[in-house]
C-alpha atoms as a PDB file:
ATOM      1  CA  UNK A   1      84.722  20.861  67.169  1.00  0.00           C
ATOM      2  CA  UNK A   2      87.056  17.877  67.147  1.00  0.00           C
ATOM      3  CA  UNK A   3      89.620  17.025  69.824  1.00  0.00           C
ATOM      4  CA  UNK A   4      93.133  17.456  68.413  1.00  0.00           C
ATOM      5  CA  UNK A   5      96.096  15.281  69.236  1.00  0.00           C
ATOM      6  CA  UNK A   6      99.440  16.470  67.896  1.00  0.00           C
ATOM      7  CA  UNK A   7     102.170  13.896  67.343  1.00  0.00           C
ATOM      8  CA  UNK A   8     105.551  14.895  65.873  1.00  0.00           C
ATOM      9  CA  UNK A   9     106.478  12.422  63.136  1.00  0.00           C
ATOM     10  CA  UNK A  10     109.965  13.407  62.059  1.00  0.00           C
ATOM     11  CA  UNK A  11     112.454  15.956  63.380  1.00  0.00           C
ATOM     12  CA  UNK A  12     114.542  17.029  60.400  1.00  0.00           C
ATOM     13  CA  UNK A  13     117.056  19.257  62.151  1.00  0.00           C
ATOM     14  CA  UNK A  14     117.470  19.989  65.848  1.00  0.00           C
ATOM     15  CA  UNK A  15     120.135  21.968  67.685  1.00  0.00           C
ATOM     16  CA  UNK A  16     119.326  21.576  71.392  1.00  0.00           C
ATOM     17  CA  UNK A  17     120.696  23.340  74.453  1.00  0.00           C
ATOM     18  CA  UNK A  18     119.908  22.406  78.068  1.00  0.00           C
ATOM     19  CA  UNK A  19     120.304  25.858  79.591  1.00  0.00           C
ATOM     20  CA  UNK A  20     116.887  27.479  79.220  1.00  0.00           C
ATOM     21  CA  UNK A  21     114.885  27.989  82.412  1.00  0.00           C
ATOM     22  CA  UNK A  22     112.265  30.276  80.850  1.00  0.00           C
ATOM     23  CA  UNK A  23     109.498  28.517  78.922  1.00  0.00           C
ATOM     24  CA  UNK A  24     107.326  30.319  76.383  1.00  0.00           C
ATOM     25  CA  UNK A  25     103.769  29.665  77.556  1.00  0.00           C
ATOM     26  CA  UNK A  26     102.455  31.867  74.712  1.00  0.00           C
ATOM     27  CA  UNK A  27     103.504  29.251  72.152  1.00  0.00           C
ATOM     28  CA  UNK A  28     101.559  26.605  74.085  1.00  0.00           C
ATOM     29  CA  UNK A  29      98.309  28.523  74.435  1.00  0.00           C
ATOM     30  CA  UNK A  30      95.370  27.184  72.431  1.00  0.00           C
ATOM     31  CA  UNK A  31      93.421  29.779  70.446  1.00  0.00           C
ATOM     32  CA  UNK A  32      90.226  27.723  70.271  1.00  0.00           C
ATOM     33  CA  UNK A  33      87.515  30.415  70.492  1.00  0.00           C
ATOM     34  CA  UNK A  34      84.316  28.575  71.570  1.00  0.00           C
ATOM     35  CA  UNK A  35      85.868  25.111  72.011  1.00  0.00           C
ATOM     36  CA  UNK A  36      85.589  24.277  75.714  1.00  0.00           C
ATOM     37  CA  UNK A  37      88.056  21.364  75.949  1.00  0.00           C
ATOM     38  CA  UNK A  38      91.268  20.725  74.008  1.00  0.00           C
ATOM     39  CA  UNK A  39      94.047  18.195  74.537  1.00  0.00           C
ATOM     40  CA  UNK A  40      97.383  18.092  72.715  1.00  0.00           C
ATOM     41  CA  UNK A  41     100.028  15.474  73.387  1.00  0.00           C
ATOM     42  CA  UNK A  42     103.107  13.932  71.865  1.00  0.00           C
ATOM     43  CA  UNK A  43     105.455  11.093  72.715  1.00  0.00           C
ATOM     44  CA  UNK A  44     108.943  10.452  71.331  1.00  0.00           C
ATOM     45  CA  UNK A  45     111.337   7.567  71.938  1.00  0.00           C
ATOM     46  CA  UNK A  46     114.681   7.010  70.237  1.00  0.00           C
ATOM     47  CA  UNK A  47     117.453   4.484  70.926  1.00  0.00           C
ATOM     48  CA  UNK A  48     120.745   4.033  69.056  1.00  0.00           C
ATOM     49  CA  UNK A  49     123.622   1.631  69.821  1.00  0.00           C
ATOM     50  CA  UNK A  50     126.937   1.855  67.968  1.00  0.00           C
ATOM     51  CA  UNK A  51     129.588  -0.664  69.049  1.00  0.00           C
ATOM     52  CA  UNK A  52     128.273  -0.680  72.583  1.00  0.00           C
ATOM     53  CA  UNK A  53     127.941   3.112  72.904  1.00  0.00           C
ATOM     54  CA  UNK A  54     124.261   3.917  73.199  1.00  0.00           C
ATOM     55  CA  UNK A  55     122.089   7.015  73.256  1.00  0.00           C
ATOM     56  CA  UNK A  56     118.507   6.852  74.495  1.00  0.00           C
ATOM     57  CA  UNK A  57     116.056   9.725  74.190  1.00  0.00           C
ATOM     58  CA  UNK A  58     112.541   9.905  75.623  1.00  0.00           C
ATOM     59  CA  UNK A  59     110.182  12.859  75.511  1.00  0.00           C
ATOM     60  CA  UNK A  60     106.565  13.364  76.499  1.00  0.00           C
ATOM     61  CA  UNK A  61     104.436  16.519  76.331  1.00  0.00           C
ATOM     62  CA  UNK A  62     100.823  17.157  77.300  1.00  0.00           C
ATOM     63  CA  UNK A  63      98.889  20.433  77.014  1.00  0.00           C
ATOM     64  CA  UNK A  64      95.227  20.654  77.971  1.00  0.00           C
ATOM     65  CA  UNK A  65      92.764  23.515  78.228  1.00  0.00           C
ATOM     66  CA  UNK A  66      89.252  23.716  79.675  1.00  0.00           C
ATOM     67  CA  UNK A  67      86.843  26.662  79.438  1.00  0.00           C
ATOM     68  CA  UNK A  68      83.787  27.437  81.553  1.00  0.00           C
ATOM     69  CA  UNK A  69      80.310  27.450  79.971  1.00  0.00           C
ATOM     70  CA  UNK A  70      80.377  31.230  79.562  1.00  0.00           C
ATOM     71  CA  UNK A  71      83.931  30.973  78.109  1.00  0.00           C
ATOM     72  CA  UNK A  72      85.204  33.619  80.555  1.00  0.00           C
ATOM     73  CA  UNK A  73      87.274  31.226  82.696  1.00  0.00           C
ATOM     74  CA  UNK A  74      90.160  29.207  81.229  1.00  0.00           C
ATOM     75  CA  UNK A  75      92.115  26.469  83.020  1.00  0.00           C
ATOM     76  CA  UNK A  76      95.383  25.552  81.304  1.00  0.00           C
ATOM     77  CA  UNK A  77      97.891  22.807  82.145  1.00  0.00           C
ATOM     78  CA  UNK A  78     101.264  21.929  80.559  1.00  0.00           C
ATOM     79  CA  UNK A  79     103.311  18.848  81.503  1.00  0.00           C
ATOM     80  CA  UNK A  80     106.484  17.545  79.883  1.00  0.00           C
ATOM     81  CA  UNK A  81     109.362  15.216  80.620  1.00  0.00           C
ATOM     82  CA  UNK A  82     112.609  14.801  78.655  1.00  0.00           C
ATOM     83  CA  UNK A  83     115.390  12.267  79.138  1.00  0.00           C
ATOM     84  CA  UNK A  84     118.593  11.950  77.079  1.00  0.00           C
ATOM     85  CA  UNK A  85     120.860   9.182  78.408  1.00  0.00           C
ATOM     86  CA  UNK A  86     124.152   7.754  77.193  1.00  0.00           C
ATOM     87  CA  UNK A  87     126.209   4.845  78.524  1.00  0.00           C
ATOM     88  CA  UNK A  88     128.259   7.395  80.499  1.00  0.00           C
ATOM     89  CA  UNK A  89     125.724   9.843  81.951  1.00  0.00           C
ATOM     90  CA  UNK A  90     122.391  11.632  81.614  1.00  0.00           C
ATOM     91  CA  UNK A  91     122.808  14.490  79.162  1.00  0.00           C
ATOM     92  CA  UNK A  92     119.348  15.761  80.069  1.00  0.00           C
ATOM     93  CA  UNK A  93     116.859  14.657  82.705  1.00  0.00           C
ATOM     94  CA  UNK A  94     114.171  17.269  83.118  1.00  0.00           C
ATOM     95  CA  UNK A  95     110.502  17.839  83.829  1.00  0.00           C
ATOM     96  CA  UNK A  96     108.255  20.873  83.638  1.00  0.00           C
ATOM     97  CA  UNK A  97     104.778  21.568  85.067  1.00  0.00           C
ATOM     98  CA  UNK A  98     102.783  24.765  84.542  1.00  0.00           C
ATOM     99  CA  UNK A  99      99.181  25.380  85.622  1.00  0.00           C
ATOM    100  CA  UNK A 100      97.403  28.657  84.787  1.00  0.00           C
ATOM    101  CA  UNK A 101      94.002  30.237  85.399  1.00  0.00           C
ATOM    102  CA  UNK A 102      92.719  33.022  83.132  1.00  0.00           C
ATOM    103  CA  UNK A 103      89.583  35.126  83.721  1.00  0.00           C
ATOM    104  CA  UNK A 104      88.248  37.456  81.009  1.00  0.00           C
ATOM    105  CA  UNK A 105      86.660  40.657  82.358  1.00  0.00           C
ATOM    106  CA  UNK A 106      86.412  42.326  78.942  1.00  0.00           C
ATOM    107  CA  UNK A 107      87.668  41.524  75.461  1.00  0.00           C
ATOM    108  CA  UNK A 108      90.646  43.772  76.281  1.00  0.00           C
ATOM    109  CA  UNK A 109      91.441  42.802  79.893  1.00  0.00           C
ATOM    110  CA  UNK A 110      92.166  39.415  81.469  1.00  0.00           C
ATOM    111  CA  UNK A 111      93.619  38.466  84.838  1.00  0.00           C
ATOM    112  CA  UNK A 112      95.901  35.438  85.201  1.00  0.00           C
ATOM    113  CA  UNK A 113      97.324  33.373  88.061  1.00  0.00           C
ATOM    114  CA  UNK A 114      99.811  30.520  87.711  1.00  0.00           C
ATOM    115  CA  UNK A 115     102.122  28.047  89.438  1.00  0.00           C
ATOM    116  CA  UNK A 116     105.175  26.338  87.949  1.00  0.00           C
ATOM    117  CA  UNK A 117     107.728  23.670  88.829  1.00  0.00           C
ATOM    118  CA  UNK A 118     110.728  22.677  86.739  1.00  0.00           C
ATOM    119  CA  UNK A 119     113.721  20.486  87.420  1.00  0.00           C
ATOM    120  CA  UNK A 120     116.863  19.745  85.389  1.00  0.00           C
ATOM    121  CA  UNK A 121     119.986  18.341  87.037  1.00  0.00           C
ATOM    122  CA  UNK A 122     122.190  19.470  84.118  1.00  0.00           C
ATOM    123  CA  UNK A 123     121.553  23.203  84.502  1.00  0.00           C
ATOM    124  CA  UNK A 124     123.016  25.997  86.608  1.00  0.00           C
ATOM    125  CA  UNK A 125     119.564  26.284  88.225  1.00  0.00           C
ATOM    126  CA  UNK A 126     118.588  22.662  88.824  1.00  0.00           C
ATOM    127  CA  UNK A 127     115.219  23.341  90.464  1.00  0.00           C
ATOM    128  CA  UNK A 128     112.803  26.260  90.164  1.00  0.00           C
ATOM    129  CA  UNK A 129     109.387  26.762  91.739  1.00  0.00           C
ATOM    130  CA  UNK A 130     107.263  29.860  91.279  1.00  0.00           C
ATOM    131  CA  UNK A 131     103.811  31.313  91.791  1.00  0.00           C
ATOM    132  CA  UNK A 132     102.546  34.473  90.151  1.00  0.00           C
ATOM    133  CA  UNK A 133      99.645  36.636  89.017  1.00  0.00           C
ATOM    134  CA  UNK A 134      99.113  39.549  86.653  1.00  0.00           C
ATOM    135  CA  UNK A 135      97.237  41.040  83.710  1.00  0.00           C
ATOM    136  CA  UNK A 136      96.967  40.077  80.043  1.00  0.00           C
ATOM    137  CA  UNK A 137      95.878  42.730  77.540  1.00  0.00           C
ATOM    138  CA  UNK A 138      94.669  42.175  73.991  1.00  0.00           C
ATOM    139  CA  UNK A 139      96.248  45.200  72.326  1.00  0.00           C
ATOM    140  CA  UNK A 140      95.309  44.351  68.718  1.00  0.00           C
ATOM    141  CA  UNK A 141      92.483  42.062  67.575  1.00  0.00           C
ATOM    142  CA  UNK A 142      92.059  41.880  63.820  1.00  0.00           C
ATOM    143  CA  UNK A 143      91.059  39.060  61.481  1.00  0.00           C
ATOM    144  CA  UNK A 144      94.641  37.942  60.793  1.00  0.00           C
ATOM    145  CA  UNK A 145      96.544  39.752  63.541  1.00  0.00           C
ATOM    146  CA  UNK A 146      96.562  39.566  67.339  1.00  0.00           C
ATOM    147  CA  UNK A 147      98.901  41.318  69.746  1.00  0.00           C
ATOM    148  CA  UNK A 148      98.988  40.604  73.494  1.00  0.00           C
ATOM    149  CA  UNK A 149     100.886  42.303  76.303  1.00  0.00           C
ATOM    150  CA  UNK A 150     101.231  40.736  79.724  1.00  0.00           C
ATOM    151  CA  UNK A 151     102.763  41.754  83.033  1.00  0.00           C
ATOM    152  CA  UNK A 152     102.958  39.638  86.183  1.00  0.00           C
ATOM    153  CA  UNK A 153     104.520  39.432  89.618  1.00  0.00           C
ATOM    154  CA  UNK A 154     106.359  36.170  90.412  1.00  0.00           C
ATOM    155  CA  UNK A 155     107.696  34.744  93.654  1.00  0.00           C
ATOM    156  CA  UNK A 156     110.323  32.109  92.893  1.00  0.00           C
ATOM    157  CA  UNK A 157     112.422  29.604  94.817  1.00  0.00           C
ATOM    158  CA  UNK A 158     115.579  28.396  93.066  1.00  0.00           C
ATOM    159  CA  UNK A 159     118.290  25.862  93.878  1.00  0.00           C
ATOM    160  CA  UNK A 160     121.680  26.103  92.149  1.00  0.00           C
ATOM    161  CA  UNK A 161     123.756  23.136  91.027  1.00  0.00           C
ATOM    162  CA  UNK A 162     126.380  22.129  93.603  1.00  0.00           C
ATOM    163  CA  UNK A 163     125.143  24.509  96.314  1.00  0.00           C
ATOM    164  CA  UNK A 164     123.048  23.253  99.228  1.00  0.00           C
ATOM    165  CA  UNK A 165     121.124  26.513  99.466  1.00  0.00           C
ATOM    166  CA  UNK A 166     117.862  27.926  98.128  1.00  0.00           C
ATOM    167  CA  UNK A 167     117.308  31.458  96.850  1.00  0.00           C
ATOM    168  CA  UNK A 168     114.003  33.309  97.297  1.00  0.00           C
ATOM    169  CA  UNK A 169     113.297  36.051  94.760  1.00  0.00           C
ATOM    170  CA  UNK A 170     110.621  38.557  93.774  1.00  0.00           C
ATOM    171  CA  UNK A 171     110.640  38.866  89.980  1.00  0.00           C
ATOM    172  CA  UNK A 172     108.674  40.757  87.337  1.00  0.00           C
ATOM    173  CA  UNK A 173     107.616  39.091  84.083  1.00  0.00           C
ATOM    174  CA  UNK A 174     106.597  41.038  80.971  1.00  0.00           C
ATOM    175  CA  UNK A 175     105.916  39.712  77.495  1.00  0.00           C
ATOM    176  CA  UNK A 176     104.769  40.916  74.078  1.00  0.00           C
ATOM    177  CA  UNK A 177     103.245  38.344  71.722  1.00  0.00           C
ATOM    178  CA  UNK A 178     102.270  38.744  68.045  1.00  0.00           C
ATOM    179  CA  UNK A 179     100.207  36.231  66.053  1.00  0.00           C
ATOM    180  CA  UNK A 180      99.995  36.829  62.305  1.00  0.00           C
ATOM    181  CA  UNK A 181      98.280  34.740  59.614  1.00  0.00           C
ATOM    182  CA  UNK A 182      99.077  35.046  55.904  1.00  0.00           C
ATOM    183  CA  UNK A 183      96.136  33.482  54.073  1.00  0.00           C
ATOM    184  CA  UNK A 184      97.669  33.526  50.584  1.00  0.00           C
ATOM    185  CA  UNK A 185     100.836  31.771  51.788  1.00  0.00           C
ATOM    186  CA  UNK A 186      98.941  29.555  54.291  1.00  0.00           C
ATOM    187  CA  UNK A 187     101.505  30.649  56.868  1.00  0.00           C
ATOM    188  CA  UNK A 188     100.996  31.273  60.601  1.00  0.00           C
ATOM    189  CA  UNK A 189     103.623  33.121  62.647  1.00  0.00           C
ATOM    190  CA  UNK A 190     103.881  33.579  66.426  1.00  0.00           C
ATOM    191  CA  UNK A 191     106.602  35.891  67.747  1.00  0.00           C
ATOM    192  CA  UNK A 192     107.125  36.404  71.494  1.00  0.00           C
ATOM    193  CA  UNK A 193     109.598  38.302  73.665  1.00  0.00           C
ATOM    194  CA  UNK A 194     109.847  37.836  77.457  1.00  0.00           C
ATOM    195  CA  UNK A 195     111.763  40.011  79.940  1.00  0.00           C
ATOM    196  CA  UNK A 196     112.030  38.899  83.598  1.00  0.00           C
ATOM    197  CA  UNK A 197     114.169  41.054  85.958  1.00  0.00           C
ATOM    198  CA  UNK A 198     114.441  40.917  89.732  1.00  0.00           C
ATOM    199  CA  UNK A 199     112.720  43.875  91.428  1.00  0.00           C
ATOM    200  CA  UNK A 200     115.766  44.546  93.624  1.00  0.00           C
ATOM    201  CA  UNK A 201     118.335  44.116  90.820  1.00  0.00           C
ATOM    202  CA  UNK A 202     117.239  44.690  87.213  1.00  0.00           C
ATOM    203  CA  UNK A 203     120.669  43.479  86.065  1.00  0.00           C
ATOM    204  CA  UNK A 204     119.655  39.992  87.181  1.00  0.00           C
ATOM    205  CA  UNK A 205     117.230  39.165  84.398  1.00  0.00           C
ATOM    206  CA  UNK A 206     116.123  36.599  81.851  1.00  0.00           C
ATOM    207  CA  UNK A 207     115.270  37.227  78.198  1.00  0.00           C
ATOM    208  CA  UNK A 208     113.530  34.845  75.819  1.00  0.00           C
ATOM    209  CA  UNK A 209     112.833  35.516  72.145  1.00  0.00           C
ATOM    210  CA  UNK A 210     110.910  32.982  70.114  1.00  0.00           C
ATOM    211  CA  UNK A 211     109.652  32.772  66.520  1.00  0.00           C
ATOM    212  CA  UNK A 212     107.354  29.951  65.479  1.00  0.00           C
ATOM    213  CA  UNK A 213     106.127  29.288  61.917  1.00  0.00           C
ATOM    214  CA  UNK A 214     103.683  26.676  60.653  1.00  0.00           C
ATOM    215  CA  UNK A 215     102.560  25.837  57.113  1.00  0.00           C
ATOM    216  CA  UNK A 216      99.820  23.224  56.536  1.00  0.00           C
ATOM    217  CA  UNK A 217     100.703  20.616  53.910  1.00  0.00           C
ATOM    218  CA  UNK A 218      97.453  18.628  54.097  1.00  0.00           C
ATOM    219  CA  UNK A 219      94.387  18.648  56.323  1.00  0.00           C
ATOM    220  CA  UNK A 220      96.266  16.543  58.868  1.00  0.00           C
ATOM    221  CA  UNK A 221      99.927  17.427  58.361  1.00  0.00           C
ATOM    222  CA  UNK A 222     101.906  20.656  58.588  1.00  0.00           C
ATOM    223  CA  UNK A 223     105.516  21.775  58.409  1.00  0.00           C
ATOM    224  CA  UNK A 224     106.668  23.699  61.487  1.00  0.00           C
ATOM    225  CA  UNK A 225     109.805  25.596  62.456  1.00  0.00           C
ATOM    226  CA  UNK A 226     110.819  27.054  65.812  1.00  0.00           C
ATOM    227  CA  UNK A 227     113.673  29.347  66.826  1.00  0.00           C
ATOM    228  CA  UNK A 228     114.501  30.187  70.463  1.00  0.00           C
ATOM    229  CA  UNK A 229     117.056  32.577  71.910  1.00  0.00           C
ATOM    230  CA  UNK A 230     117.560  32.553  75.679  1.00  0.00           C
ATOM    231  CA  UNK A 231     119.736  34.641  77.979  1.00  0.00           C
ATOM    232  CA  UNK A 232     120.157  34.575  81.761  1.00  0.00           C
ATOM    233  CA  UNK A 233     122.193  37.386  83.304  1.00  0.00           C
ATOM    234  CA  UNK A 234     122.942  36.522  86.943  1.00  0.00           C
ATOM    235  CA  UNK A 235     124.533  39.929  87.696  1.00  0.00           C
ATOM    236  CA  UNK A 236     127.104  38.128  89.867  1.00  0.00           C
ATOM    237  CA  UNK A 237     130.201  35.953  89.658  1.00  0.00           C
ATOM    238  CA  UNK A 238     128.103  33.221  88.023  1.00  0.00           C
ATOM    239  CA  UNK A 239     128.657  32.867  84.290  1.00  0.00           C
ATOM    240  CA  UNK A 240     125.730  34.073  82.156  1.00  0.00           C
ATOM    241  CA  UNK A 241     123.695  31.386  80.367  1.00  0.00           C
ATOM    242  CA  UNK A 242     123.024  31.776  76.641  1.00  0.00           C
ATOM    243  CA  UNK A 243     121.422  29.328  74.258  1.00  0.00           C
ATOM    244  CA  UNK A 244     119.880  29.078  70.801  1.00  0.00           C
ATOM    245  CA  UNK A 245     117.532  26.367  69.611  1.00  0.00           C
ATOM    246  CA  UNK A 246     116.337  25.551  66.099  1.00  0.00           C
ATOM    247  CA  UNK A 247     113.745  22.881  65.401  1.00  0.00           C
ATOM    248  CA  UNK A 248     112.212  21.953  62.051  1.00  0.00           C
ATOM    249  CA  UNK A 249     109.800  19.063  61.617  1.00  0.00           C
ATOM    250  CA  UNK A 250     106.418  17.693  60.660  1.00  0.00           C
ATOM    251  CA  UNK A 251     103.320  17.797  62.837  1.00  0.00           C
ATOM    252  CA  UNK A 252     100.464  15.327  62.400  1.00  0.00           C
ATOM    253  CA  UNK A 253      96.981  16.450  63.481  1.00  0.00           C
ATOM    254  CA  UNK A 254      94.103  14.064  64.126  1.00  0.00           C
END
């Protein structure tokens, strides 16, 4: 099967928030069946200058997946970097790295292990490192429907903005993911919900809900839409973080 490179051509409408520290890995997984190697990447650069006031935006994303010969072992890597700079300050300067290993014991049961690093100087949590492992279960596997449930243990190290101190936490991560295809409408939907509480304080938790839709327009172009809702409850004097993100655009596939 062919190698696919995905390049966003036009973003029609985008409401962006720089508060989310939880990234939906489910939306980045590649359901490629027997394809052993897949690479997806995009690059975006935008610069505008109005009477000396400028805004520069740069974004780069790479997702790659490699499967063993027997297709039971999957190695998955996600890298991205985003910069939004004005003549006064950096509105966003962030990177994200996630590496994951997945081993399939049966069609129902998989074990996963992962590491992650993310940094954003504009957030409440400016740096986050974690390592984790857990199970991934294929609850439903039909021709047009797939449902996955996952549960993992995570050990995380976080640094807050303006505080020269690091916090070491043991956190649980659970998710439910639904993939549904509507052949008559040529519509694919992916809906995912994450819940990540601390073991010692369930009130300190993160929630992410995401809905992604994609409709092919031609063999090489599709219309896509993405909605994110994110909540961080610190269960302390820190103000809770909430954000919503809507993206609509075209995707070009080669």
